[in-house]
Amino acid sequence: EVRLVESGGGLVQPGGSLRLSCAASGFTFANYEMTWVRQAPGKGLEWVSTITGGGAITRYLDSVKGRFTISRDNARDTLYLQMNTLKPEDTDVYYCIGTAVTSYWGQGTQVTVSS
């Protein structure tokens, strides 16, 4: 059974940090490009960041560059998103997606940035 399970979300004050994790199982994680997207209630999906299977290439949404870092540990089949200097506009549900021939989605984790 394919599973992607996000964790690490929560409530944080502006300027704070969180690290999201996405634990993968049921497929060959290292063969999949991994992506973080986010969605606010009533809004469309917004792409945040992508990392290639080997981790050599990363890409970021302009508004998170310099604040967020995507990484992966293929030995642990886990994807990460380190989020620093969080802003209220980063409040969203964050999803991880694994993409190769097919795509797999996690269930999402809520991030709320508020004082």
Protein backbone atom coordinates (compact mmCIF):
# COMPACT_ATOMS: atom_id res chain seq x y z
CA GLU A 1 0.00 0.00 0.00
CA VAL A 2 1.36 3.41 -0.99
CA ARG A 3 1.39 5.96 1.81
CA LEU A 4 2.65 9.49 2.25
CA VAL A 5 2.17 10.78 5.78
CA GLU A 6 2.91 14.40 6.60
CA SER A 7 3.67 15.61 10.10
CA GLY A 8 5.19 18.59 11.88
CA GLY A 9 2.52 21.19 11.29
CA GLY A 10 1.10 23.34 14.06
CA LEU A 11 0.61 26.83 15.38
CA VAL A 12 3.60 29.15 15.38
CA GLN A 13 4.10 32.87 15.86
CA PRO A 14 5.27 35.07 13.00
CA GLY A 15 9.02 34.79 12.65
CA GLY A 16 9.02 31.27 14.03
CA SER A 17 10.07 27.97 12.46
CA LEU A 18 8.59 24.58 11.75
CA ARG A 19 9.92 21.47 10.06
CA LEU A 20 7.49 19.37 8.09
CA SER A 21 8.17 15.71 7.40
CA CYS A 22 6.63 13.37 4.85
CA ALA A 23 7.18 9.67 5.48
CA ALA A 24 6.82 7.51 2.37
CA SER A 25 6.12 3.81 2.04
CA GLY A 26 4.94 1.36 -0.59
CA PHE A 27 6.99 2.71 -3.50
CA THR A 28 10.63 3.30 -4.42
CA PHE A 29 11.02 6.72 -2.84
CA ALA A 30 14.40 7.56 -4.40
CA ASN A 31 12.92 7.21 -7.90
CA TYR A 32 10.34 9.92 -7.27
CA GLU A 33 10.61 13.66 -7.57
CA MET A 34 9.04 15.08 -4.43
CA THR A 35 7.06 18.26 -4.11
CA TRP A 36 5.43 20.35 -1.40
CA VAL A 37 2.26 22.24 -2.26
CA ARG A 38 -0.10 24.19 -0.05
CA GLN A 39 -3.73 25.19 -0.05
CA ALA A 40 -5.79 27.60 1.98
CA PRO A 41 -9.53 26.99 2.50
CA GLY A 42 -11.44 28.06 -0.58
CA LYS A 43 -8.28 28.70 -2.58
CA GLY A 44 -6.39 26.77 -5.22
CA LEU A 45 -3.27 24.76 -4.76
CA GLU A 46 0.02 26.64 -4.67
CA TRP A 47 3.28 24.93 -5.56
CA VAL A 48 5.95 25.56 -2.92
CA SER A 49 9.04 23.51 -3.68
CA THR A 50 10.36 20.47 -5.55
CA ILE A 51 13.39 18.24 -5.13
CA THR A 52 14.69 15.67 -7.59
CA GLY A 53 15.03 12.01 -6.69
CA GLY A 54 18.69 12.19 -5.79
CA GLY A 55 18.28 15.54 -4.07
CA ALA A 56 20.71 17.41 -6.32
CA ILE A 57 18.23 19.91 -7.73
CA THR A 58 15.74 21.99 -5.77
CA ARG A 59 13.30 24.69 -6.81
CA TYR A 60 11.29 27.16 -4.76
CA LEU A 61 8.36 29.51 -5.03
CA ASP A 62 9.79 33.04 -5.06
CA SER A 63 7.98 34.06 -1.88
CA VAL A 64 9.63 31.26 0.15
CA LYS A 65 13.15 31.45 -1.28
CA GLY A 66 15.67 32.04 1.48
CA ARG A 67 13.15 31.02 4.15
CA PHE A 68 12.22 27.42 3.26
CA THR A 69 14.56 24.52 2.57
CA ILE A 70 13.45 21.26 0.99
CA SER A 71 15.50 18.13 1.60
CA ARG A 72 15.15 14.38 1.56
CA ASP A 73 16.68 11.33 3.20
CA ASN A 74 16.37 8.45 0.77
CA ALA A 75 17.72 6.00 3.34
CA ARG A 76 14.74 6.86 5.55
CA ASP A 77 12.22 7.40 2.71
CA THR A 78 11.43 10.80 4.15
CA LEU A 79 10.96 14.27 2.70
CA TYR A 80 11.41 17.46 4.74
CA LEU A 81 10.52 21.11 4.53
CA GLN A 82 12.34 23.39 6.94
CA MET A 83 10.35 26.60 7.23
CA ASN A 84 11.97 29.61 8.88
CA THR A 85 10.88 33.22 9.35
CA LEU A 86 7.29 32.16 8.93
CA LYS A 87 4.70 34.75 7.94
CA PRO A 88 0.91 34.77 8.40
CA GLU A 89 0.54 34.31 4.65
CA ASP A 90 2.27 30.93 4.98
CA THR A 91 -0.81 29.64 6.80
CA ASP A 92 -2.14 26.73 4.74
CA VAL A 93 -2.52 22.99 4.63
CA TYR A 94 0.74 21.57 3.29
CA TYR A 95 0.78 18.43 1.16
CA CYS A 96 3.64 16.31 -0.11
CA ILE A 97 3.44 14.72 -3.54
CA GLY A 98 5.58 12.02 -5.06
CA THR A 99 5.77 12.07 -8.85
CA ALA A 100 7.23 9.66 -11.37
CA VAL A 101 5.03 7.78 -13.85
CA THR A 102 2.21 8.23 -11.31
CA SER A 103 1.63 10.69 -8.50
CA TYR A 104 0.96 10.01 -4.86
CA TRP A 105 -0.40 12.52 -2.36
CA GLY A 106 -0.32 12.76 1.40
CA GLN A 107 -3.25 13.77 3.56
CA GLY A 108 -1.84 17.17 4.50
CA THR A 109 -0.69 18.91 7.66
CA GLN A 110 -1.99 22.27 8.87
CA VAL A 111 0.42 25.15 9.38
CA THR A 112 -0.95 28.22 11.14
CA VAL A 113 1.17 31.32 11.58
CA SER A 114 -0.48 33.72 13.98
CA SER A 115 0.25 35.82 17.04
